[in-house]
PDB file of all heavy atoms in Angstrom:
ATOM      1  N   GLU A   1      12.791  12.650  -9.082  1.00  0.00           N
ATOM      2  CA  GLU A   1      13.013  11.511  -8.207  1.00  0.00           C
ATOM      3  C   GLU A   1      14.166  11.791  -7.256  1.00  0.00           C
ATOM      4  O   GLU A   1      15.082  12.566  -7.577  1.00  0.00           O
ATOM      5  CB  GLU A   1      13.357  10.242  -9.006  1.00  0.00           C
ATOM      6  CG  GLU A   1      12.315   9.807 -10.009  1.00  0.00           C
ATOM      7  CD  GLU A   1      12.597  10.352 -11.390  1.00  0.00           C
ATOM      8  OE1 GLU A   1      13.308  11.379 -11.497  1.00  0.00           O
ATOM      9  OE2 GLU A   1      12.113   9.771 -12.378  1.00  0.00           O
ATOM     10  N   SER A   2      14.128  11.139  -6.114  1.00  0.00           N
ATOM     11  CA  SER A   2      15.211  11.220  -5.149  1.00  0.00           C
ATOM     12  C   SER A   2      15.199   9.966  -4.282  1.00  0.00           C
ATOM     13  O   SER A   2      14.243   9.186  -4.331  1.00  0.00           O
ATOM     14  CB  SER A   2      15.079  12.474  -4.283  1.00  0.00           C
ATOM     15  OG  SER A   2      13.874  12.429  -3.544  1.00  0.00           O
ATOM     16  N   GLY A   3      16.267   9.797  -3.516  1.00  0.00           N
ATOM     17  CA  GLY A   3      16.305   8.703  -2.559  1.00  0.00           C
ATOM     18  C   GLY A   3      17.181   7.528  -2.950  1.00  0.00           C
ATOM     19  O   GLY A   3      17.340   6.590  -2.171  1.00  0.00           O
ATOM     20  N   GLY A   4      17.739   7.568  -4.139  1.00  0.00           N
ATOM     21  CA  GLY A   4      18.609   6.479  -4.549  1.00  0.00           C
ATOM     22  C   GLY A   4      19.919   6.486  -3.774  1.00  0.00           C
ATOM     23  O   GLY A   4      20.216   7.415  -3.017  1.00  0.00           O
ATOM     24  N   GLY A   5      20.684   5.425  -3.976  1.00  0.00           N
ATOM     25  CA  GLY A   5      21.971   5.335  -3.310  1.00  0.00           C
ATOM     26  C   GLY A   5      22.556   3.953  -3.409  1.00  0.00           C
ATOM     27  O   GLY A   5      22.087   3.117  -4.197  1.00  0.00           O
ATOM     28  N   LEU A   6      23.583   3.733  -2.621  1.00  0.00           N
ATOM     29  CA  LEU A   6      24.268   2.438  -2.573  1.00  0.00           C
ATOM     30  C   LEU A   6      23.840   1.704  -1.311  1.00  0.00           C
ATOM     31  O   LEU A   6      23.872   2.274  -0.209  1.00  0.00           O
ATOM     32  CB  LEU A   6      25.784   2.657  -2.568  1.00  0.00           C
ATOM     33  CG  LEU A   6      26.666   1.429  -2.375  1.00  0.00           C
ATOM     34  CD1 LEU A   6      26.490   0.455  -3.528  1.00  0.00           C
ATOM     35  CD2 LEU A   6      28.125   1.847  -2.230  1.00  0.00           C
ATOM     36  N   VAL A   7      23.430   0.459  -1.477  1.00  0.00           N
ATOM     37  CA  VAL A   7      22.952  -0.326  -0.343  1.00  0.00           C
ATOM     38  C   VAL A   7      23.424  -1.762  -0.525  1.00  0.00           C
ATOM     39  O   VAL A   7      23.594  -2.225  -1.654  1.00  0.00           O
ATOM     40  CB  VAL A   7      21.417  -0.239  -0.235  1.00  0.00           C
ATOM     41  CG1 VAL A   7      20.741  -0.839  -1.456  1.00  0.00           C
ATOM     42  CG2 VAL A   7      20.914  -0.858   1.047  1.00  0.00           C
ATOM     43  N   GLN A   8      23.615  -2.453   0.574  1.00  0.00           N
ATOM     44  CA  GLN A   8      23.998  -3.860   0.502  1.00  0.00           C
ATOM     45  C   GLN A   8      22.781  -4.721   0.216  1.00  0.00           C
ATOM     46  O   GLN A   8      21.640  -4.346   0.535  1.00  0.00           O
ATOM     47  CB  GLN A   8      24.640  -4.305   1.808  1.00  0.00           C
ATOM     48  CG  GLN A   8      26.025  -3.736   2.042  1.00  0.00           C
ATOM     49  CD  GLN A   8      26.699  -4.334   3.256  1.00  0.00           C
ATOM     50  OE1 GLN A   8      26.047  -4.784   4.198  1.00  0.00           O
ATOM     51  NE2 GLN A   8      28.029  -4.355   3.236  1.00  0.00           N
ATOM     52  N   ALA A   9      23.030  -5.872  -0.355  1.00  0.00           N
ATOM     53  CA  ALA A   9      21.938  -6.815  -0.608  1.00  0.00           C
ATOM     54  C   ALA A   9      21.207  -7.115   0.694  1.00  0.00           C
ATOM     55  O   ALA A   9      21.826  -7.276   1.745  1.00  0.00           O
ATOM     56  CB  ALA A   9      22.493  -8.095  -1.219  1.00  0.00           C
ATOM     57  N   GLY A  10      19.889  -7.151   0.591  1.00  0.00           N
ATOM     58  CA  GLY A  10      19.057  -7.357   1.761  1.00  0.00           C
ATOM     59  C   GLY A  10      18.599  -6.073   2.421  1.00  0.00           C
ATOM     60  O   GLY A  10      17.724  -6.098   3.293  1.00  0.00           O
ATOM     61  N   GLY A  11      19.179  -4.971   2.000  1.00  0.00           N
ATOM     62  CA  GLY A  11      18.839  -3.686   2.581  1.00  0.00           C
ATOM     63  C   GLY A  11      17.604  -3.060   1.965  1.00  0.00           C
ATOM     64  O   GLY A  11      16.920  -3.673   1.125  1.00  0.00           O
ATOM     65  N   SER A  12      17.337  -1.821   2.379  1.00  0.00           N
ATOM     66  CA  SER A  12      16.133  -1.118   1.939  1.00  0.00           C
ATOM     67  C   SER A  12      16.469   0.304   1.511  1.00  0.00           C
ATOM     68  O   SER A  12      17.436   0.902   1.988  1.00  0.00           O
ATOM     69  CB  SER A  12      15.105  -1.054   3.073  1.00  0.00           C
ATOM     70  OG  SER A  12      14.689  -2.338   3.475  1.00  0.00           O
ATOM     71  N   LEU A  13      15.649   0.819   0.621  1.00  0.00           N
ATOM     72  CA  LEU A  13      15.685   2.221   0.222  1.00  0.00           C
ATOM     73  C   LEU A  13      14.256   2.668  -0.024  1.00  0.00           C
ATOM     74  O   LEU A  13      13.402   1.857  -0.411  1.00  0.00           O
ATOM     75  CB  LEU A  13      16.505   2.422  -1.057  1.00  0.00           C
ATOM     76  CG  LEU A  13      18.023   2.409  -0.967  1.00  0.00           C
ATOM     77  CD1 LEU A  13      18.617   2.465  -2.372  1.00  0.00           C
ATOM     78  CD2 LEU A  13      18.538   3.559  -0.130  1.00  0.00           C
ATOM     79  N   ARG A  14      14.023   3.959   0.160  1.00  0.00           N
ATOM     80  CA  ARG A  14      12.732   4.526  -0.222  1.00  0.00           C
ATOM     81  C   ARG A  14      12.972   5.640  -1.228  1.00  0.00           C
ATOM     82  O   ARG A  14      13.648   6.624  -0.927  1.00  0.00           O
ATOM     83  CB  ARG A  14      11.961   5.068   0.971  1.00  0.00           C
ATOM     84  CG  ARG A  14      10.544   5.478   0.590  1.00  0.00           C
ATOM     85  CD  ARG A  14       9.719   5.982   1.757  1.00  0.00           C
ATOM     86  NE  ARG A  14      10.035   7.350   2.104  1.00  0.00           N
ATOM     87  CZ  ARG A  14       9.213   8.165   2.756  1.00  0.00           C
ATOM     88  NH1 ARG A  14       8.017   7.718   3.133  1.00  0.00           N
ATOM     89  NH2 ARG A  14       9.590   9.390   3.063  1.00  0.00           N
ATOM     90  N   LEU A  15      12.411   5.462  -2.403  1.00  0.00           N
ATOM     91  CA  LEU A  15      12.504   6.468  -3.442  1.00  0.00           C
ATOM     92  C   LEU A  15      11.280   7.376  -3.383  1.00  0.00           C
ATOM     93  O   LEU A  15      10.191   6.940  -3.025  1.00  0.00           O
ATOM     94  CB  LEU A  15      12.584   5.814  -4.818  1.00  0.00           C
ATOM     95  CG  LEU A  15      13.671   4.752  -5.022  1.00  0.00           C
ATOM     96  CD1 LEU A  15      13.659   4.266  -6.463  1.00  0.00           C
ATOM     97  CD2 LEU A  15      15.028   5.282  -4.630  1.00  0.00           C
ATOM     98  N   SER A  16      11.494   8.624  -3.775  1.00  0.00           N
ATOM     99  CA  SER A  16      10.404   9.598  -3.833  1.00  0.00           C
ATOM    100  C   SER A  16      10.323  10.173  -5.237  1.00  0.00           C
ATOM    101  O   SER A  16      11.353  10.350  -5.905  1.00  0.00           O
ATOM    102  CB  SER A  16      10.643  10.732  -2.845  1.00  0.00           C
ATOM    103  OG  SER A  16      10.721  10.266  -1.516  1.00  0.00           O
ATOM    104  N   CYS A  17       9.120  10.488  -5.647  1.00  0.00           N
ATOM    105  CA  CYS A  17       8.892  11.195  -6.908  1.00  0.00           C
ATOM    106  C   CYS A  17       7.972  12.362  -6.601  1.00  0.00           C
ATOM    107  O   CYS A  17       6.811  12.159  -6.245  1.00  0.00           O
ATOM    108  CB  CYS A  17       8.276  10.278  -7.943  1.00  0.00           C
ATOM    109  SG  CYS A  17       7.879  11.112  -9.503  1.00  0.00           S
ATOM    110  N   GLY A  18       8.509  13.568  -6.721  1.00  0.00           N
ATOM    111  CA  GLY A  18       7.719  14.762  -6.537  1.00  0.00           C
ATOM    112  C   GLY A  18       7.362  15.361  -7.883  1.00  0.00           C
ATOM    113  O   GLY A  18       8.016  15.080  -8.891  1.00  0.00           O
ATOM    114  N   ALA A  19       6.315  16.180  -7.883  1.00  0.00           N
ATOM    115  CA  ALA A  19       5.855  16.722  -9.160  1.00  0.00           C
ATOM    116  C   ALA A  19       5.446  18.176  -9.042  1.00  0.00           C
ATOM    117  O   ALA A  19       4.977  18.623  -7.988  1.00  0.00           O
ATOM    118  CB  ALA A  19       4.670  15.914  -9.682  1.00  0.00           C
ATOM    119  N   SER A  20       5.628  18.878 -10.121  1.00  0.00           N
ATOM    120  CA  SER A  20       5.057  20.207 -10.283  1.00  0.00           C
ATOM    121  C   SER A  20       4.290  20.209 -11.594  1.00  0.00           C
ATOM    122  O   SER A  20       4.692  19.553 -12.555  1.00  0.00           O
ATOM    123  CB  SER A  20       6.156  21.270 -10.292  1.00  0.00           C
ATOM    124  OG  SER A  20       7.067  21.041 -11.346  1.00  0.00           O
ATOM    125  N   GLY A  21       3.156  20.888 -11.605  1.00  0.00           N
ATOM    126  CA  GLY A  21       2.363  20.975 -12.820  1.00  0.00           C
ATOM    127  C   GLY A  21       1.448  19.805 -13.060  1.00  0.00           C
ATOM    128  O   GLY A  21       0.795  19.728 -14.103  1.00  0.00           O
ATOM    129  N   ILE A  22       1.389  18.893 -12.123  1.00  0.00           N
ATOM    130  CA  ILE A  22       0.519  17.730 -12.269  1.00  0.00           C
ATOM    131  C   ILE A  22       0.143  17.253 -10.880  1.00  0.00           C
ATOM    132  O   ILE A  22       0.945  17.346  -9.945  1.00  0.00           O
ATOM    133  CB  ILE A  22       1.220  16.622 -13.079  1.00  0.00           C
ATOM    134  CG1 ILE A  22       0.215  15.586 -13.578  1.00  0.00           C
ATOM    135  CG2 ILE A  22       2.321  15.961 -12.277  1.00  0.00           C
ATOM    136  CD1 ILE A  22       0.792  14.666 -14.641  1.00  0.00           C
ATOM    137  N   ILE A  23      -1.091  16.781 -10.743  1.00  0.00           N
ATOM    138  CA  ILE A  23      -1.567  16.279  -9.463  1.00  0.00           C
ATOM    139  C   ILE A  23      -1.569  14.761  -9.517  1.00  0.00           C
ATOM    140  O   ILE A  23      -2.310  14.154 -10.298  1.00  0.00           O
ATOM    141  CB  ILE A  23      -2.978  16.802  -9.156  1.00  0.00           C
ATOM    142  CG1 ILE A  23      -3.003  18.333  -9.208  1.00  0.00           C
ATOM    143  CG2 ILE A  23      -3.443  16.296  -7.798  1.00  0.00           C
ATOM    144  CD1 ILE A  23      -2.083  19.003  -8.221  1.00  0.00           C
ATOM    145  N   PHE A  24      -0.760  14.138  -8.693  1.00  0.00           N
ATOM    146  CA  PHE A  24      -0.630  12.685  -8.761  1.00  0.00           C
ATOM    147  C   PHE A  24      -1.945  11.968  -8.454  1.00  0.00           C
ATOM    148  O   PHE A  24      -2.227  10.930  -9.043  1.00  0.00           O
ATOM    149  CB  PHE A  24       0.448  12.207  -7.792  1.00  0.00           C
ATOM    150  CG  PHE A  24       1.851  12.323  -8.318  1.00  0.00           C
ATOM    151  CD1 PHE A  24       2.916  12.496  -7.451  1.00  0.00           C
ATOM    152  CD2 PHE A  24       2.117  12.247  -9.682  1.00  0.00           C
ATOM    153  CE1 PHE A  24       4.220  12.595  -7.924  1.00  0.00           C
ATOM    154  CE2 PHE A  24       3.410  12.344 -10.160  1.00  0.00           C
ATOM    155  CZ  PHE A  24       4.467  12.518  -9.275  1.00  0.00           C
ATOM    156  N   SER A  25      -2.748  12.495  -7.569  1.00  0.00           N
ATOM    157  CA  SER A  25      -3.956  11.782  -7.161  1.00  0.00           C
ATOM    158  C   SER A  25      -4.986  11.680  -8.284  1.00  0.00           C
ATOM    159  O   SER A  25      -5.918  10.881  -8.197  1.00  0.00           O
ATOM    160  CB  SER A  25      -4.588  12.451  -5.940  1.00  0.00           C
ATOM    161  OG  SER A  25      -4.963  13.772  -6.253  1.00  0.00           O
ATOM    162  N   THR A  26      -4.821  12.466  -9.331  1.00  0.00           N
ATOM    163  CA  THR A  26      -5.737  12.414 -10.469  1.00  0.00           C
ATOM    164  C   THR A  26      -5.129  11.724 -11.679  1.00  0.00           C
ATOM    165  O   THR A  26      -5.672  11.782 -12.783  1.00  0.00           O
ATOM    166  CB  THR A  26      -6.196  13.822 -10.874  1.00  0.00           C
ATOM    167  OG1 THR A  26      -5.058  14.589 -11.296  1.00  0.00           O
ATOM    168  CG2 THR A  26      -6.880  14.531  -9.713  1.00  0.00           C
ATOM    169  N   ASN A  27      -3.995  11.082 -11.470  1.00  0.00           N
ATOM    170  CA  ASN A  27      -3.307  10.401 -12.564  1.00  0.00           C
ATOM    171  C   ASN A  27      -2.762   9.051 -12.113  1.00  0.00           C
ATOM    172  O   ASN A  27      -2.526   8.824 -10.927  1.00  0.00           O
ATOM    173  CB  ASN A  27      -2.126  11.248 -13.050  1.00  0.00           C
ATOM    174  CG  ASN A  27      -2.577  12.482 -13.796  1.00  0.00           C
ATOM    175  OD1 ASN A  27      -2.839  12.452 -14.992  1.00  0.00           O
ATOM    176  ND2 ASN A  27      -2.688  13.594 -13.059  1.00  0.00           N
ATOM    177  N   VAL A  28      -2.543   8.186 -13.084  1.00  0.00           N
ATOM    178  CA  VAL A  28      -1.839   6.936 -12.842  1.00  0.00           C
ATOM    179  C   VAL A  28      -0.341   7.236 -12.852  1.00  0.00           C
ATOM    180  O   VAL A  28       0.145   7.951 -13.748  1.00  0.00           O
ATOM    181  CB  VAL A  28      -2.172   5.895 -13.926  1.00  0.00           C
ATOM    182  CG1 VAL A  28      -1.343   4.635 -13.739  1.00  0.00           C
ATOM    183  CG2 VAL A  28      -3.668   5.581 -13.902  1.00  0.00           C
ATOM    184  N   VAL A  29       0.372   6.727 -11.877  1.00  0.00           N
ATOM    185  CA  VAL A  29       1.807   6.961 -11.791  1.00  0.00           C
ATOM    186  C   VAL A  29       2.531   5.608 -11.774  1.00  0.00           C
ATOM    187  O   VAL A  29       2.145   4.688 -11.053  1.00  0.00           O
ATOM    188  CB  VAL A  29       2.174   7.751 -10.522  1.00  0.00           C
ATOM    189  CG1 VAL A  29       3.682   8.006 -10.474  1.00  0.00           C
ATOM    190  CG2 VAL A  29       1.406   9.068 -10.485  1.00  0.00           C
ATOM    191  N   ASP A  30       3.544   5.522 -12.589  1.00  0.00           N
ATOM    192  CA  ASP A  30       4.342   4.301 -12.680  1.00  0.00           C
ATOM    193  C   ASP A  30       5.780   4.569 -12.246  1.00  0.00           C
ATOM    194  O   ASP A  30       6.297   5.672 -12.419  1.00  0.00           O
ATOM    195  CB  ASP A  30       4.385   3.786 -14.122  1.00  0.00           C
ATOM    196  CG  ASP A  30       3.033   3.329 -14.626  1.00  0.00           C
ATOM    197  OD1 ASP A  30       2.640   2.204 -14.292  1.00  0.00           O
ATOM    198  OD2 ASP A  30       2.383   4.106 -15.351  1.00  0.00           O
ATOM    199  N   TRP A  31       6.410   3.509 -11.756  1.00  0.00           N
ATOM    200  CA  TRP A  31       7.866   3.494 -11.590  1.00  0.00           C
ATOM    201  C   TRP A  31       8.425   2.517 -12.621  1.00  0.00           C
ATOM    202  O   TRP A  31       7.885   1.414 -12.807  1.00  0.00           O
ATOM    203  CB  TRP A  31       8.280   3.028 -10.200  1.00  0.00           C
ATOM    204  CG  TRP A  31       8.179   4.060  -9.135  1.00  0.00           C
ATOM    205  CD1 TRP A  31       7.164   4.235  -8.246  1.00  0.00           C
ATOM    206  CD2 TRP A  31       9.154   5.061  -8.828  1.00  0.00           C
ATOM    207  NE1 TRP A  31       7.436   5.282  -7.407  1.00  0.00           N
ATOM    208  CE2 TRP A  31       8.658   5.810  -7.728  1.00  0.00           C
ATOM    209  CE3 TRP A  31      10.401   5.409  -9.356  1.00  0.00           C
ATOM    210  CZ2 TRP A  31       9.362   6.880  -7.165  1.00  0.00           C
ATOM    211  CZ3 TRP A  31      11.103   6.463  -8.792  1.00  0.00           C
ATOM    212  CH2 TRP A  31      10.579   7.187  -7.712  1.00  0.00           C
ATOM    213  N   TYR A  32       9.497   2.942 -13.279  1.00  0.00           N
ATOM    214  CA  TYR A  32      10.259   2.095 -14.180  1.00  0.00           C
ATOM    215  C   TYR A  32      11.705   2.060 -13.684  1.00  0.00           C
ATOM    216  O   TYR A  32      12.112   2.871 -12.847  1.00  0.00           O
ATOM    217  CB  TYR A  32      10.260   2.676 -15.603  1.00  0.00           C
ATOM    218  CG  TYR A  32       9.002   2.452 -16.394  1.00  0.00           C
ATOM    219  CD1 TYR A  32       7.867   3.223 -16.188  1.00  0.00           C
ATOM    220  CD2 TYR A  32       8.947   1.461 -17.381  1.00  0.00           C
ATOM    221  CE1 TYR A  32       6.711   3.016 -16.932  1.00  0.00           C
ATOM    222  CE2 TYR A  32       7.799   1.250 -18.132  1.00  0.00           C
ATOM    223  CZ  TYR A  32       6.693   2.035 -17.896  1.00  0.00           C
ATOM    224  OH  TYR A  32       5.561   1.828 -18.637  1.00  0.00           O
ATOM    225  N   ARG A  33      12.457   1.125 -14.254  1.00  0.00           N
ATOM    226  CA  ARG A  33      13.883   1.104 -13.981  1.00  0.00           C
ATOM    227  C   ARG A  33      14.638   0.706 -15.236  1.00  0.00           C
ATOM    228  O   ARG A  33      14.089   0.023 -16.111  1.00  0.00           O
ATOM    229  CB  ARG A  33      14.225   0.155 -12.836  1.00  0.00           C
ATOM    230  CG  ARG A  33      13.956  -1.311 -13.101  1.00  0.00           C
ATOM    231  CD  ARG A  33      14.191  -2.110 -11.815  1.00  0.00           C
ATOM    232  NE  ARG A  33      13.961  -3.549 -12.007  1.00  0.00           N
ATOM    233  CZ  ARG A  33      13.993  -4.443 -11.033  1.00  0.00           C
ATOM    234  NH1 ARG A  33      14.244  -4.049  -9.772  1.00  0.00           N
ATOM    235  NH2 ARG A  33      13.781  -5.722 -11.288  1.00  0.00           N
ATOM    236  N   GLN A  34      15.865   1.166 -15.300  1.00  0.00           N
ATOM    237  CA  GLN A  34      16.698   0.839 -16.458  1.00  0.00           C
ATOM    238  C   GLN A  34      18.122   0.588 -16.000  1.00  0.00           C
ATOM    239  O   GLN A  34      18.756   1.480 -15.409  1.00  0.00           O
ATOM    240  CB  GLN A  34      16.669   1.957 -17.496  1.00  0.00           C
ATOM    241  CG  GLN A  34      17.406   1.582 -18.773  1.00  0.00           C
ATOM    242  CD  GLN A  34      16.973   2.397 -19.962  1.00  0.00           C
ATOM    243  OE1 GLN A  34      16.455   3.504 -19.819  1.00  0.00           O
ATOM    244  NE2 GLN A  34      17.169   1.854 -21.154  1.00  0.00           N
ATOM    245  N   ALA A  35      18.583  -0.620 -16.269  1.00  0.00           N
ATOM    246  CA  ALA A  35      19.961  -0.988 -15.971  1.00  0.00           C
ATOM    247  C   ALA A  35      20.793  -0.811 -17.231  1.00  0.00           C
ATOM    248  O   ALA A  35      20.271  -0.893 -18.350  1.00  0.00           O
ATOM    249  CB  ALA A  35      20.025  -2.429 -15.484  1.00  0.00           C
ATOM    250  N   PRO A  36      22.089  -0.575 -17.081  1.00  0.00           N
ATOM    251  CA  PRO A  36      22.949  -0.387 -18.258  1.00  0.00           C
ATOM    252  C   PRO A  36      22.867  -1.582 -19.202  1.00  0.00           C
ATOM    253  O   PRO A  36      22.954  -2.733 -18.779  1.00  0.00           O
ATOM    254  CB  PRO A  36      24.348  -0.270 -17.639  1.00  0.00           C
ATOM    255  CG  PRO A  36      24.112   0.230 -16.265  1.00  0.00           C
ATOM    256  CD  PRO A  36      22.830  -0.413 -15.828  1.00  0.00           C
ATOM    257  N   GLY A  37      22.657  -1.282 -20.475  1.00  0.00           N
ATOM    258  CA  GLY A  37      22.617  -2.337 -21.480  1.00  0.00           C
ATOM    259  C   GLY A  37      21.321  -3.123 -21.525  1.00  0.00           C
ATOM    260  O   GLY A  37      21.209  -4.076 -22.292  1.00  0.00           O
ATOM    261  N   LYS A  38      20.344  -2.729 -20.726  1.00  0.00           N
ATOM    262  CA  LYS A  38      19.072  -3.446 -20.689  1.00  0.00           C
ATOM    263  C   LYS A  38      17.929  -2.523 -21.058  1.00  0.00           C
ATOM    264  O   LYS A  38      18.042  -1.297 -20.962  1.00  0.00           O
ATOM    265  CB  LYS A  38      18.834  -4.054 -19.306  1.00  0.00           C
ATOM    266  CG  LYS A  38      19.827  -5.138 -18.924  1.00  0.00           C
ATOM    267  CD  LYS A  38      19.429  -5.783 -17.618  1.00  0.00           C
ATOM    268  CE  LYS A  38      20.375  -6.923 -17.248  1.00  0.00           C
ATOM    269  NZ  LYS A  38      19.982  -7.575 -15.970  1.00  0.00           N
ATOM    270  N   GLN A  39      16.822  -3.124 -21.459  1.00  0.00           N
ATOM    271  CA  GLN A  39      15.641  -2.326 -21.781  1.00  0.00           C
ATOM    272  C   GLN A  39      15.015  -1.784 -20.505  1.00  0.00           C
ATOM    273  O   GLN A  39      15.134  -2.361 -19.420  1.00  0.00           O
ATOM    274  CB  GLN A  39      14.620  -3.202 -22.519  1.00  0.00           C
ATOM    275  CG  GLN A  39      15.002  -3.516 -23.959  1.00  0.00           C
ATOM    276  CD  GLN A  39      13.862  -4.159 -24.720  1.00  0.00           C
ATOM    277  OE1 GLN A  39      13.036  -4.853 -24.134  1.00  0.00           O
ATOM    278  NE2 GLN A  39      13.814  -3.931 -26.015  1.00  0.00           N
ATOM    279  N   ARG A  40      14.332  -0.664 -20.667  1.00  0.00           N
ATOM    280  CA  ARG A  40      13.609  -0.097 -19.537  1.00  0.00           C
ATOM    281  C   ARG A  40      12.532  -1.083 -19.105  1.00  0.00           C
ATOM    282  O   ARG A  40      11.815  -1.653 -19.928  1.00  0.00           O
ATOM    283  CB  ARG A  40      13.017   1.240 -19.940  1.00  0.00           C
ATOM    284  CG  ARG A  40      12.449   2.053 -18.809  1.00  0.00           C
ATOM    285  CD  ARG A  40      12.192   3.484 -19.238  1.00  0.00           C
ATOM    286  NE  ARG A  40      13.453   4.196 -19.447  1.00  0.00           N
ATOM    287  CZ  ARG A  40      13.512   5.480 -19.805  1.00  0.00           C
ATOM    288  NH1 ARG A  40      12.411   6.172 -19.997  1.00  0.00           N
ATOM    289  NH2 ARG A  40      14.683   6.056 -19.983  1.00  0.00           N
TER     290      ARG A  40
END
């Protein structure tokens, strides 16, 4: 993954997930997130 950073509320970011050894178009791909002290 890449593209994270610090942004002000109301702003935008675009995250990327690149892969080797797997073809995304033939698989289901999910995004998850995990904040400190919280469940994924």
